[in-house]
PDB file of all heavy atoms in Angstrom:
ATOM      1  N   LEU A   1     -87.201 -17.045  -9.401  1.00  0.00           N
ATOM      2  CA  LEU A   1     -88.589 -17.483  -9.415  1.00  0.00           C
ATOM      3  C   LEU A   1     -89.467 -16.456  -8.701  1.00  0.00           C
ATOM      4  O   LEU A   1     -89.029 -15.804  -7.752  1.00  0.00           O
ATOM      5  CB  LEU A   1     -88.740 -18.834  -8.732  1.00  0.00           C
ATOM      6  CG  LEU A   1     -87.866 -19.973  -9.261  1.00  0.00           C
ATOM      7  CD1 LEU A   1     -88.210 -21.277  -8.518  1.00  0.00           C
ATOM      8  CD2 LEU A   1     -88.016 -20.143 -10.753  1.00  0.00           C
ATOM      9  N   SER A   2     -90.694 -16.349  -9.167  1.00  0.00           N
ATOM     10  CA  SER A   2     -91.670 -15.465  -8.539  1.00  0.00           C
ATOM     11  C   SER A   2     -92.905 -16.260  -8.151  1.00  0.00           C
ATOM     12  O   SER A   2     -93.306 -17.182  -8.862  1.00  0.00           O
ATOM     13  CB  SER A   2     -92.075 -14.343  -9.490  1.00  0.00           C
ATOM     14  OG  SER A   2     -90.978 -13.535  -9.834  1.00  0.00           O
ATOM     15  N   CYS A   3     -93.484 -15.885  -7.038  1.00  0.00           N
ATOM     16  CA  CYS A   3     -94.737 -16.472  -6.567  1.00  0.00           C
ATOM     17  C   CYS A   3     -95.674 -15.313  -6.271  1.00  0.00           C
ATOM     18  O   CYS A   3     -95.399 -14.502  -5.384  1.00  0.00           O
ATOM     19  CB  CYS A   3     -94.488 -17.306  -5.320  1.00  0.00           C
ATOM     20  SG  CYS A   3     -95.980 -17.915  -4.502  1.00  0.00           S
ATOM     21  N   ALA A   4     -96.760 -15.242  -7.019  1.00  0.00           N
ATOM     22  CA  ALA A   4     -97.687 -14.125  -6.869  1.00  0.00           C
ATOM     23  C   ALA A   4     -99.103 -14.619  -6.622  1.00  0.00           C
ATOM     24  O   ALA A   4     -99.482 -15.709  -7.066  1.00  0.00           O
ATOM     25  CB  ALA A   4     -97.641 -13.247  -8.118  1.00  0.00           C
ATOM     26  N   ALA A   5     -99.867 -13.805  -5.916  1.00  0.00           N
ATOM     27  CA  ALA A   5    -101.293 -14.076  -5.792  1.00  0.00           C
ATOM     28  C   ALA A   5    -101.939 -13.741  -7.126  1.00  0.00           C
ATOM     29  O   ALA A   5    -101.690 -12.667  -7.680  1.00  0.00           O
ATOM     30  CB  ALA A   5    -101.893 -13.241  -4.676  1.00  0.00           C
ATOM     31  N   SER A   6    -102.736 -14.655  -7.643  1.00  0.00           N
ATOM     32  CA  SER A   6    -103.327 -14.432  -8.950  1.00  0.00           C
ATOM     33  C   SER A   6    -104.355 -13.314  -8.901  1.00  0.00           C
ATOM     34  O   SER A   6    -104.865 -12.954  -7.837  1.00  0.00           O
ATOM     35  CB  SER A   6    -103.978 -15.707  -9.452  1.00  0.00           C
ATOM     36  OG  SER A   6    -105.175 -15.950  -8.759  1.00  0.00           O
ATOM     37  N   ALA A   7    -104.659 -12.800 -10.078  1.00  0.00           N
ATOM     38  CA  ALA A   7    -105.656 -11.735 -10.182  1.00  0.00           C
ATOM     39  C   ALA A   7    -107.029 -12.202  -9.708  1.00  0.00           C
ATOM     40  O   ALA A   7    -107.860 -11.404  -9.293  1.00  0.00           O
ATOM     41  CB  ALA A   7    -105.734 -11.257 -11.628  1.00  0.00           C
ATOM     42  N   ALA A   8    -107.239 -13.515  -9.747  1.00  0.00           N
ATOM     43  CA  ALA A   8    -108.523 -14.067  -9.326  1.00  0.00           C
ATOM     44  C   ALA A   8    -108.614 -14.237  -7.810  1.00  0.00           C
ATOM     45  O   ALA A   8    -109.692 -14.533  -7.287  1.00  0.00           O
ATOM     46  CB  ALA A   8    -108.749 -15.416 -10.006  1.00  0.00           C
ATOM     47  N   SER A   9    -107.499 -14.004  -7.116  1.00  0.00           N
ATOM     48  CA  SER A   9    -107.508 -14.188  -5.668  1.00  0.00           C
ATOM     49  C   SER A   9    -108.324 -13.105  -4.974  1.00  0.00           C
ATOM     50  O   SER A   9    -108.259 -11.936  -5.361  1.00  0.00           O
ATOM     51  CB  SER A   9    -106.076 -14.160  -5.126  1.00  0.00           C
ATOM     52  OG  SER A   9    -105.334 -15.235  -5.613  1.00  0.00           O
ATOM     53  N   THR A  10    -109.023 -13.531  -3.956  1.00  0.00           N
ATOM     54  CA  THR A  10    -109.738 -12.551  -3.132  1.00  0.00           C
ATOM     55  C   THR A  10    -108.908 -12.156  -1.920  1.00  0.00           C
ATOM     56  O   THR A  10    -109.290 -11.253  -1.178  1.00  0.00           O
ATOM     57  CB  THR A  10    -111.083 -13.124  -2.678  1.00  0.00           C
ATOM     58  OG1 THR A  10    -110.873 -14.383  -2.029  1.00  0.00           O
ATOM     59  CG2 THR A  10    -112.011 -13.328  -3.862  1.00  0.00           C
ATOM     60  N   PHE A  11    -107.769 -12.839  -1.735  1.00  0.00           N
ATOM     61  CA  PHE A  11    -106.869 -12.514  -0.644  1.00  0.00           C
ATOM     62  C   PHE A  11    -105.508 -12.147  -1.226  1.00  0.00           C
ATOM     63  O   PHE A  11    -105.142 -12.561  -2.321  1.00  0.00           O
ATOM     64  CB  PHE A  11    -106.710 -13.703   0.308  1.00  0.00           C
ATOM     65  CG  PHE A  11    -107.944 -14.026   1.097  1.00  0.00           C
ATOM     66  CD1 PHE A  11    -108.792 -15.036   0.703  1.00  0.00           C
ATOM     67  CD2 PHE A  11    -108.262 -13.294   2.228  1.00  0.00           C
ATOM     68  CE1 PHE A  11    -109.934 -15.335   1.416  1.00  0.00           C
ATOM     69  CE2 PHE A  11    -109.408 -13.585   2.954  1.00  0.00           C
ATOM     70  CZ  PHE A  11    -110.241 -14.597   2.541  1.00  0.00           C
ATOM     71  N   THR A  12    -104.735 -11.408  -0.451  1.00  0.00           N
ATOM     72  CA  THR A  12    -103.365 -11.090  -0.823  1.00  0.00           C
ATOM     73  C   THR A  12    -102.423 -11.960   0.003  1.00  0.00           C
ATOM     74  O   THR A  12    -102.846 -12.742   0.858  1.00  0.00           O
ATOM     75  CB  THR A  12    -103.057  -9.612  -0.570  1.00  0.00           C
ATOM     76  OG1 THR A  12    -103.019  -9.390   0.865  1.00  0.00           O
ATOM     77  CG2 THR A  12    -104.116  -8.714  -1.189  1.00  0.00           C
ATOM     78  N   LEU A  13    -101.111 -11.776  -0.237  1.00  0.00           N
ATOM     79  CA  LEU A  13    -100.126 -12.522   0.535  1.00  0.00           C
ATOM     80  C   LEU A  13     -99.808 -11.877   1.884  1.00  0.00           C
ATOM     81  O   LEU A  13     -98.981 -12.391   2.637  1.00  0.00           O
ATOM     82  CB  LEU A  13     -98.838 -12.672  -0.273  1.00  0.00           C
ATOM     83  CG  LEU A  13     -98.911 -13.657  -1.445  1.00  0.00           C
ATOM     84  CD1 LEU A  13     -97.608 -13.655  -2.228  1.00  0.00           C
ATOM     85  CD2 LEU A  13     -99.235 -15.054  -0.953  1.00  0.00           C
ATOM     86  N   GLU A  14    -100.466 -10.774   2.171  1.00  0.00           N
ATOM     87  CA  GLU A  14    -100.261 -10.132   3.460  1.00  0.00           C
ATOM     88  C   GLU A  14    -100.640 -11.094   4.578  1.00  0.00           C
ATOM     89  O   GLU A  14    -101.613 -11.833   4.475  1.00  0.00           O
ATOM     90  CB  GLU A  14    -101.094  -8.855   3.565  1.00  0.00           C
ATOM     91  CG  GLU A  14    -100.780  -8.011   4.778  1.00  0.00           C
ATOM     92  CD  GLU A  14    -101.590  -6.716   4.797  1.00  0.00           C
ATOM     93  OE1 GLU A  14    -102.574  -6.602   4.035  1.00  0.00           O
ATOM     94  OE2 GLU A  14    -101.226  -5.807   5.581  1.00  0.00           O
ATOM     95  N   TYR A  15     -99.881 -11.112   5.635  1.00  0.00           N
ATOM     96  CA  TYR A  15    -100.093 -11.984   6.790  1.00  0.00           C
ATOM     97  C   TYR A  15     -99.902 -13.470   6.469  1.00  0.00           C
ATOM     98  O   TYR A  15    -100.310 -14.329   7.245  1.00  0.00           O
ATOM     99  CB  TYR A  15    -101.479 -11.786   7.407  1.00  0.00           C
ATOM    100  CG  TYR A  15    -101.751 -10.368   7.839  1.00  0.00           C
ATOM    101  CD1 TYR A  15    -102.803  -9.641   7.285  1.00  0.00           C
ATOM    102  CD2 TYR A  15    -100.949  -9.746   8.787  1.00  0.00           C
ATOM    103  CE1 TYR A  15    -103.050  -8.337   7.669  1.00  0.00           C
ATOM    104  CE2 TYR A  15    -101.187  -8.434   9.178  1.00  0.00           C
ATOM    105  CZ  TYR A  15    -102.250  -7.735   8.609  1.00  0.00           C
ATOM    106  OH  TYR A  15    -102.487  -6.442   8.988  1.00  0.00           O
ATOM    107  N   HIS A  16     -99.320 -13.775   5.314  1.00  0.00           N
ATOM    108  CA  HIS A  16     -99.046 -15.154   4.948  1.00  0.00           C
ATOM    109  C   HIS A  16     -97.552 -15.456   5.013  1.00  0.00           C
ATOM    110  O   HIS A  16     -96.735 -14.690   4.491  1.00  0.00           O
ATOM    111  CB  HIS A  16     -99.512 -15.455   3.520  1.00  0.00           C
ATOM    112  CG  HIS A  16    -100.990 -15.586   3.375  1.00  0.00           C
ATOM    113  ND1 HIS A  16    -101.845 -14.500   3.357  1.00  0.00           N
ATOM    114  CD2 HIS A  16    -101.770 -16.694   3.236  1.00  0.00           C
ATOM    115  CE1 HIS A  16    -103.086 -14.923   3.205  1.00  0.00           C
ATOM    116  NE2 HIS A  16    -103.074 -16.251   3.137  1.00  0.00           N
ATOM    117  N   ALA A  17     -97.192 -16.568   5.667  1.00  0.00           N
ATOM    118  CA  ALA A  17     -95.861 -17.122   5.482  1.00  0.00           C
ATOM    119  C   ALA A  17     -95.862 -17.807   4.122  1.00  0.00           C
ATOM    120  O   ALA A  17     -96.869 -18.408   3.706  1.00  0.00           O
ATOM    121  CB  ALA A  17     -95.544 -18.127   6.579  1.00  0.00           C
ATOM    122  N   VAL A  18     -94.743 -17.734   3.414  1.00  0.00           N
ATOM    123  CA  VAL A  18     -94.655 -18.315   2.075  1.00  0.00           C
ATOM    124  C   VAL A  18     -93.403 -19.181   1.980  1.00  0.00           C
ATOM    125  O   VAL A  18     -92.310 -18.758   2.382  1.00  0.00           O
ATOM    126  CB  VAL A  18     -94.620 -17.227   0.988  1.00  0.00           C
ATOM    127  CG1 VAL A  18     -94.466 -17.864  -0.399  1.00  0.00           C
ATOM    128  CG2 VAL A  18     -95.885 -16.375   1.042  1.00  0.00           C
ATOM    129  N   GLY A  19     -93.575 -20.367   1.467  1.00  0.00           N
ATOM    130  CA  GLY A  19     -92.456 -21.280   1.321  1.00  0.00           C
ATOM    131  C   GLY A  19     -92.262 -21.723  -0.111  1.00  0.00           C
ATOM    132  O   GLY A  19     -93.199 -21.697  -0.919  1.00  0.00           O
ATOM    133  N   TRP A  20     -91.041 -22.114  -0.426  1.00  0.00           N
ATOM    134  CA  TRP A  20     -90.722 -22.738  -1.717  1.00  0.00           C
ATOM    135  C   TRP A  20     -90.339 -24.191  -1.461  1.00  0.00           C
ATOM    136  O   TRP A  20     -89.544 -24.474  -0.557  1.00  0.00           O
ATOM    137  CB  TRP A  20     -89.563 -22.021  -2.407  1.00  0.00           C
ATOM    138  CG  TRP A  20     -89.934 -20.728  -3.042  1.00  0.00           C
ATOM    139  CD1 TRP A  20     -89.780 -19.472  -2.521  1.00  0.00           C
ATOM    140  CD2 TRP A  20     -90.536 -20.545  -4.340  1.00  0.00           C
ATOM    141  NE1 TRP A  20     -90.240 -18.531  -3.408  1.00  0.00           N
ATOM    142  CE2 TRP A  20     -90.703 -19.160  -4.526  1.00  0.00           C
ATOM    143  CE3 TRP A  20     -90.928 -21.416  -5.357  1.00  0.00           C
ATOM    144  CZ2 TRP A  20     -91.266 -18.625  -5.694  1.00  0.00           C
ATOM    145  CZ3 TRP A  20     -91.482 -20.890  -6.507  1.00  0.00           C
ATOM    146  CH2 TRP A  20     -91.644 -19.506  -6.665  1.00  0.00           C
ATOM    147  N   PHE A  21     -90.894 -25.069  -2.259  1.00  0.00           N
ATOM    148  CA  PHE A  21     -90.612 -26.489  -2.175  1.00  0.00           C
ATOM    149  C   PHE A  21     -90.247 -26.979  -3.575  1.00  0.00           C
ATOM    150  O   PHE A  21     -90.546 -26.312  -4.570  1.00  0.00           O
ATOM    151  CB  PHE A  21     -91.842 -27.252  -1.653  1.00  0.00           C
ATOM    152  CG  PHE A  21     -92.218 -26.881  -0.254  1.00  0.00           C
ATOM    153  CD1 PHE A  21     -92.942 -25.717   0.011  1.00  0.00           C
ATOM    154  CD2 PHE A  21     -91.855 -27.677   0.816  1.00  0.00           C
ATOM    155  CE1 PHE A  21     -93.280 -25.351   1.306  1.00  0.00           C
ATOM    156  CE2 PHE A  21     -92.188 -27.333   2.120  1.00  0.00           C
ATOM    157  CZ  PHE A  21     -92.894 -26.167   2.358  1.00  0.00           C
ATOM    158  N   ARG A  22     -89.617 -28.126  -3.644  1.00  0.00           N
ATOM    159  CA  ARG A  22     -89.293 -28.686  -4.964  1.00  0.00           C
ATOM    160  C   ARG A  22     -89.426 -30.196  -4.936  1.00  0.00           C
ATOM    161  O   ARG A  22     -89.309 -30.827  -3.884  1.00  0.00           O
ATOM    162  CB  ARG A  22     -87.883 -28.286  -5.400  1.00  0.00           C
ATOM    163  CG  ARG A  22     -86.753 -28.871  -4.553  1.00  0.00           C
ATOM    164  CD  ARG A  22     -85.421 -28.277  -4.984  1.00  0.00           C
ATOM    165  NE  ARG A  22     -84.308 -28.839  -4.217  1.00  0.00           N
ATOM    166  CZ  ARG A  22     -83.056 -28.404  -4.312  1.00  0.00           C
ATOM    167  NH1 ARG A  22     -82.748 -27.393  -5.121  1.00  0.00           N
ATOM    168  NH2 ARG A  22     -82.106 -28.976  -3.588  1.00  0.00           N
ATOM    169  N   GLN A  23     -89.689 -30.735  -6.113  1.00  0.00           N
ATOM    170  CA  GLN A  23     -89.799 -32.179  -6.247  1.00  0.00           C
ATOM    171  C   GLN A  23     -89.169 -32.603  -7.562  1.00  0.00           C
ATOM    172  O   GLN A  23     -89.598 -32.163  -8.638  1.00  0.00           O
ATOM    173  CB  GLN A  23     -91.259 -32.637  -6.188  1.00  0.00           C
ATOM    174  CG  GLN A  23     -91.413 -34.144  -6.157  1.00  0.00           C
ATOM    175  CD  GLN A  23     -92.798 -34.586  -5.730  1.00  0.00           C
ATOM    176  OE1 GLN A  23     -93.762 -33.841  -5.818  1.00  0.00           O
ATOM    177  NE2 GLN A  23     -92.912 -35.814  -5.256  1.00  0.00           N
ATOM    178  N   ALA A  24     -88.161 -33.436  -7.451  1.00  0.00           N
ATOM    179  CA  ALA A  24     -87.493 -33.989  -8.620  1.00  0.00           C
ATOM    180  C   ALA A  24     -88.132 -35.340  -8.957  1.00  0.00           C
ATOM    181  O   ALA A  24     -88.717 -35.986  -8.082  1.00  0.00           O
ATOM    182  CB  ALA A  24     -86.003 -34.157  -8.347  1.00  0.00           C
ATOM    183  N   PRO A  25     -88.024 -35.782 -10.197  1.00  0.00           N
ATOM    184  CA  PRO A  25     -88.608 -37.067 -10.590  1.00  0.00           C
ATOM    185  C   PRO A  25     -88.112 -38.205  -9.706  1.00  0.00           C
ATOM    186  O   PRO A  25     -86.906 -38.341  -9.482  1.00  0.00           O
ATOM    187  CB  PRO A  25     -88.138 -37.234 -12.039  1.00  0.00           C
ATOM    188  CG  PRO A  25     -87.928 -35.854 -12.527  1.00  0.00           C
ATOM    189  CD  PRO A  25     -87.395 -35.093 -11.336  1.00  0.00           C
ATOM    190  N   GLY A  26     -89.041 -38.984  -9.182  1.00  0.00           N
ATOM    191  CA  GLY A  26     -88.690 -40.125  -8.365  1.00  0.00           C
ATOM    192  C   GLY A  26     -88.248 -39.800  -6.953  1.00  0.00           C
ATOM    193  O   GLY A  26     -87.815 -40.687  -6.217  1.00  0.00           O
ATOM    194  N   LYS A  27     -88.354 -38.526  -6.588  1.00  0.00           N
ATOM    195  CA  LYS A  27     -87.925 -38.126  -5.246  1.00  0.00           C
ATOM    196  C   LYS A  27     -89.076 -37.505  -4.474  1.00  0.00           C
ATOM    197  O   LYS A  27     -90.068 -37.060  -5.046  1.00  0.00           O
ATOM    198  CB  LYS A  27     -86.756 -37.146  -5.335  1.00  0.00           C
ATOM    199  CG  LYS A  27     -85.482 -37.747  -5.901  1.00  0.00           C
ATOM    200  CD  LYS A  27     -84.314 -36.783  -5.767  1.00  0.00           C
ATOM    201  CE  LYS A  27     -83.019 -37.414  -6.236  1.00  0.00           C
ATOM    202  NZ  LYS A  27     -81.865 -36.489  -6.082  1.00  0.00           N
ATOM    203  N   GLU A  28     -88.894 -37.468  -3.163  1.00  0.00           N
ATOM    204  CA  GLU A  28     -89.885 -36.832  -2.303  1.00  0.00           C
ATOM    205  C   GLU A  28     -89.811 -35.309  -2.452  1.00  0.00           C
ATOM    206  O   GLU A  28     -88.755 -34.749  -2.768  1.00  0.00           O
ATOM    207  CB  GLU A  28     -89.604 -37.203  -0.841  1.00  0.00           C
ATOM    208  CG  GLU A  28     -89.715 -38.682  -0.526  1.00  0.00           C
ATOM    209  CD  GLU A  28     -91.151 -39.126  -0.433  1.00  0.00           C
ATOM    210  OE1 GLU A  28     -91.980 -38.337   0.059  1.00  0.00           O
ATOM    211  OE2 GLU A  28     -91.465 -40.244  -0.861  1.00  0.00           O
ATOM    212  N   ARG A  29     -90.949 -34.673  -2.211  1.00  0.00           N
ATOM    213  CA  ARG A  29     -90.941 -33.206  -2.178  1.00  0.00           C
ATOM    214  C   ARG A  29     -90.109 -32.735  -0.994  1.00  0.00           C
ATOM    215  O   ARG A  29     -90.186 -33.320   0.091  1.00  0.00           O
ATOM    216  CB  ARG A  29     -92.370 -32.692  -2.058  1.00  0.00           C
ATOM    217  CG  ARG A  29     -92.504 -31.188  -2.024  1.00  0.00           C
ATOM    218  CD  ARG A  29     -93.974 -30.802  -2.013  1.00  0.00           C
ATOM    219  NE  ARG A  29     -94.719 -31.475  -0.965  1.00  0.00           N
ATOM    220  CZ  ARG A  29     -96.026 -31.426  -0.834  1.00  0.00           C
ATOM    221  NH1 ARG A  29     -96.760 -30.737  -1.706  1.00  0.00           N
ATOM    222  NH2 ARG A  29     -96.625 -32.070   0.151  1.00  0.00           N
ATOM    223  N   GLU A  30     -89.318 -31.702  -1.203  1.00  0.00           N
ATOM    224  CA  GLU A  30     -88.475 -31.192  -0.126  1.00  0.00           C
ATOM    225  C   GLU A  30     -88.620 -29.684  -0.004  1.00  0.00           C
ATOM    226  O   GLU A  30     -88.861 -28.977  -0.985  1.00  0.00           O
ATOM    227  CB  GLU A  30     -87.004 -31.555  -0.362  1.00  0.00           C
ATOM    228  CG  GLU A  30     -86.390 -30.947  -1.603  1.00  0.00           C
ATOM    229  CD  GLU A  30     -84.887 -31.229  -1.692  1.00  0.00           C
ATOM    230  OE1 GLU A  30     -84.287 -31.677  -0.698  1.00  0.00           O
ATOM    231  OE2 GLU A  30     -84.315 -30.984  -2.763  1.00  0.00           O
ATOM    232  N   ALA A  31     -88.450 -29.216   1.202  1.00  0.00           N
ATOM    233  CA  ALA A  31     -88.501 -27.779   1.452  1.00  0.00           C
ATOM    234  C   ALA A  31     -87.211 -27.130   0.978  1.00  0.00           C
ATOM    235  O   ALA A  31     -86.121 -27.685   1.152  1.00  0.00           O
ATOM    236  CB  ALA A  31     -88.710 -27.514   2.942  1.00  0.00           C
ATOM    237  N   VAL A  32     -87.346 -25.975   0.389  1.00  0.00           N
ATOM    238  CA  VAL A  32     -86.197 -25.214  -0.094  1.00  0.00           C
ATOM    239  C   VAL A  32     -85.957 -23.984   0.784  1.00  0.00           C
ATOM    240  O   VAL A  32     -84.858 -23.768   1.282  1.00  0.00           O
ATOM    241  CB  VAL A  32     -86.407 -24.773  -1.553  1.00  0.00           C
ATOM    242  CG1 VAL A  32     -85.250 -23.889  -2.017  1.00  0.00           C
ATOM    243  CG2 VAL A  32     -86.557 -25.985  -2.459  1.00  0.00           C
ATOM    244  N   SER A  33     -87.014 -23.204   0.984  1.00  0.00           N
ATOM    245  CA  SER A  33     -86.870 -21.978   1.748  1.00  0.00           C
ATOM    246  C   SER A  33     -88.235 -21.478   2.176  1.00  0.00           C
ATOM    247  O   SER A  33     -89.256 -21.850   1.594  1.00  0.00           O
ATOM    248  CB  SER A  33     -86.164 -20.904   0.905  1.00  0.00           C
ATOM    249  OG  SER A  33     -85.940 -19.729   1.658  1.00  0.00           O
ATOM    250  N   CYS A  34     -88.244 -20.626   3.191  1.00  0.00           N
ATOM    251  CA  CYS A  34     -89.494 -20.035   3.648  1.00  0.00           C
ATOM    252  C   CYS A  34     -89.225 -18.636   4.176  1.00  0.00           C
ATOM    253  O   CYS A  34     -88.140 -18.365   4.711  1.00  0.00           O
ATOM    254  CB  CYS A  34     -90.128 -20.892   4.739  1.00  0.00           C
ATOM    255  SG  CYS A  34     -91.689 -20.231   5.345  1.00  0.00           S
ATOM    256  N   VAL A  35     -90.201 -17.758   4.028  1.00  0.00           N
ATOM    257  CA  VAL A  35     -90.109 -16.404   4.567  1.00  0.00           C
ATOM    258  C   VAL A  35     -91.360 -16.122   5.377  1.00  0.00           C
ATOM    259  O   VAL A  35     -92.468 -16.521   5.007  1.00  0.00           O
ATOM    260  CB  VAL A  35     -89.929 -15.357   3.435  1.00  0.00           C
ATOM    261  CG1 VAL A  35     -91.105 -15.366   2.463  1.00  0.00           C
ATOM    262  CG2 VAL A  35     -89.704 -13.965   3.991  1.00  0.00           C
ATOM    263  N   SER A  36     -91.174 -15.460   6.499  1.00  0.00           N
ATOM    264  CA  SER A  36     -92.306 -15.119   7.355  1.00  0.00           C
ATOM    265  C   SER A  36     -93.136 -14.008   6.723  1.00  0.00           C
ATOM    266  O   SER A  36     -92.706 -13.346   5.773  1.00  0.00           O
ATOM    267  CB  SER A  36     -91.802 -14.684   8.726  1.00  0.00           C
ATOM    268  OG  SER A  36     -91.025 -13.501   8.601  1.00  0.00           O
ATOM    269  N   SER A  37     -94.313 -13.775   7.283  1.00  0.00           N
ATOM    270  CA  SER A  37     -95.208 -12.762   6.721  1.00  0.00           C
ATOM    271  C   SER A  37     -94.606 -11.365   6.787  1.00  0.00           C
ATOM    272  O   SER A  37     -94.851 -10.529   5.920  1.00  0.00           O
ATOM    273  CB  SER A  37     -96.560 -12.795   7.427  1.00  0.00           C
ATOM    274  OG  SER A  37     -96.405 -12.499   8.806  1.00  0.00           O
ATOM    275  N   SER A  38     -93.798 -11.122   7.806  1.00  0.00           N
ATOM    276  CA  SER A  38     -93.152  -9.811   7.934  1.00  0.00           C
ATOM    277  C   SER A  38     -91.945  -9.668   7.026  1.00  0.00           C
ATOM    278  O   SER A  38     -91.480  -8.551   6.770  1.00  0.00           O
ATOM    279  CB  SER A  38     -92.708  -9.582   9.378  1.00  0.00           C
ATOM    280  OG  SER A  38     -91.599 -10.402   9.679  1.00  0.00           O
ATOM    281  N   GLY A  39     -91.427 -10.816   6.580  1.00  0.00           N
ATOM    282  CA  GLY A  39     -90.177 -10.791   5.828  1.00  0.00           C
ATOM    283  C   GLY A  39     -88.948 -10.789   6.718  1.00  0.00           C
ATOM    284  O   GLY A  39     -87.830 -10.865   6.232  1.00  0.00           O
ATOM    285  N   GLY A  40     -89.169 -10.740   8.021  1.00  0.00           N
ATOM    286  CA  GLY A  40     -88.048 -10.637   8.939  1.00  0.00           C
ATOM    287  C   GLY A  40     -87.354 -11.933   9.262  1.00  0.00           C
ATOM    288  O   GLY A  40     -86.233 -11.935   9.775  1.00  0.00           O
ATOM    289  N   SER A  41     -88.027 -13.053   8.997  1.00  0.00           N
ATOM    290  CA  SER A  41     -87.424 -14.363   9.267  1.00  0.00           C
ATOM    291  C   SER A  41     -87.410 -15.197   8.004  1.00  0.00           C
ATOM    292  O   SER A  41     -88.395 -15.218   7.248  1.00  0.00           O
ATOM    293  CB  SER A  41     -88.226 -15.102  10.335  1.00  0.00           C
ATOM    294  OG  SER A  41     -88.129 -14.449  11.576  1.00  0.00           O
ATOM    295  N   THR A  42     -86.286 -15.884   7.794  1.00  0.00           N
ATOM    296  CA  THR A  42     -86.161 -16.774   6.643  1.00  0.00           C
ATOM    297  C   THR A  42     -85.480 -18.065   7.082  1.00  0.00           C
ATOM    298  O   THR A  42     -84.720 -18.082   8.056  1.00  0.00           O
ATOM    299  CB  THR A  42     -85.323 -16.143   5.516  1.00  0.00           C
ATOM    300  OG1 THR A  42     -84.028 -15.793   6.026  1.00  0.00           O
ATOM    301  CG2 THR A  42     -85.995 -14.887   4.967  1.00  0.00           C
ATOM    302  N   ASN A  43     -85.787 -19.128   6.369  1.00  0.00           N
ATOM    303  CA  ASN A  43     -85.126 -20.411   6.586  1.00  0.00           C
ATOM    304  C   ASN A  43     -84.730 -21.008   5.244  1.00  0.00           C
ATOM    305  O   ASN A  43     -85.415 -20.770   4.228  1.00  0.00           O
ATOM    306  CB  ASN A  43     -86.051 -21.379   7.335  1.00  0.00           C
ATOM    307  CG  ASN A  43     -86.142 -21.064   8.809  1.00  0.00           C
ATOM    308  OD1 ASN A  43     -85.136 -20.899   9.484  1.00  0.00           O
ATOM    309  ND2 ASN A  43     -87.358 -20.981   9.328  1.00  0.00           N
ATOM    310  N   TYR A  44     -83.672 -21.795   5.253  1.00  0.00           N
ATOM    311  CA  TYR A  44     -83.190 -22.421   4.027  1.00  0.00           C
ATOM    312  C   TYR A  44     -82.800 -23.870   4.296  1.00  0.00           C
ATOM    313  O   TYR A  44     -82.301 -24.199   5.370  1.00  0.00           O
ATOM    314  CB  TYR A  44     -81.953 -21.687   3.485  1.00  0.00           C
ATOM    315  CG  TYR A  44     -82.213 -20.270   3.070  1.00  0.00           C
ATOM    316  CD1 TYR A  44     -82.044 -19.216   3.951  1.00  0.00           C
ATOM    317  CD2 TYR A  44     -82.637 -19.982   1.762  1.00  0.00           C
ATOM    318  CE1 TYR A  44     -82.283 -17.905   3.563  1.00  0.00           C
ATOM    319  CE2 TYR A  44     -82.878 -18.682   1.364  1.00  0.00           C
ATOM    320  CZ  TYR A  44     -82.702 -17.651   2.264  1.00  0.00           C
ATOM    321  OH  TYR A  44     -82.951 -16.356   1.876  1.00  0.00           O
ATOM    322  N   ALA A  45     -82.988 -24.708   3.291  1.00  0.00           N
ATOM    323  CA  ALA A  45     -82.446 -26.053   3.348  1.00  0.00           C
ATOM    324  C   ALA A  45     -80.930 -25.967   3.267  1.00  0.00           C
ATOM    325  O   ALA A  45     -80.382 -25.064   2.612  1.00  0.00           O
ATOM    326  CB  ALA A  45     -82.987 -26.882   2.185  1.00  0.00           C
ATOM    327  N   ASP A  46     -80.247 -26.885   3.932  1.00  0.00           N
ATOM    328  CA  ASP A  46     -78.778 -26.867   3.925  1.00  0.00           C
ATOM    329  C   ASP A  46     -78.228 -26.919   2.501  1.00  0.00           C
ATOM    330  O   ASP A  46     -77.189 -26.324   2.202  1.00  0.00           O
ATOM    331  CB  ASP A  46     -78.244 -28.042   4.734  1.00  0.00           C
ATOM    332  CG  ASP A  46     -78.444 -27.860   6.231  1.00  0.00           C
ATOM    333  OD1 ASP A  46     -78.696 -26.716   6.670  1.00  0.00           O
ATOM    334  OD2 ASP A  46     -78.361 -28.872   6.954  1.00  0.00           O
TER     335      ASP A  46
END
């Protein structure tokens, strides 16, 4: 999967932490993973 700032954005992803979440039918949204703005730190769901 890719997550990009759209061409219409006036900001970039620089200095942004970015996370991936998912939601299955009938279930709560859950965190999947996140990366810090530097890329040096990451977290994952078990």
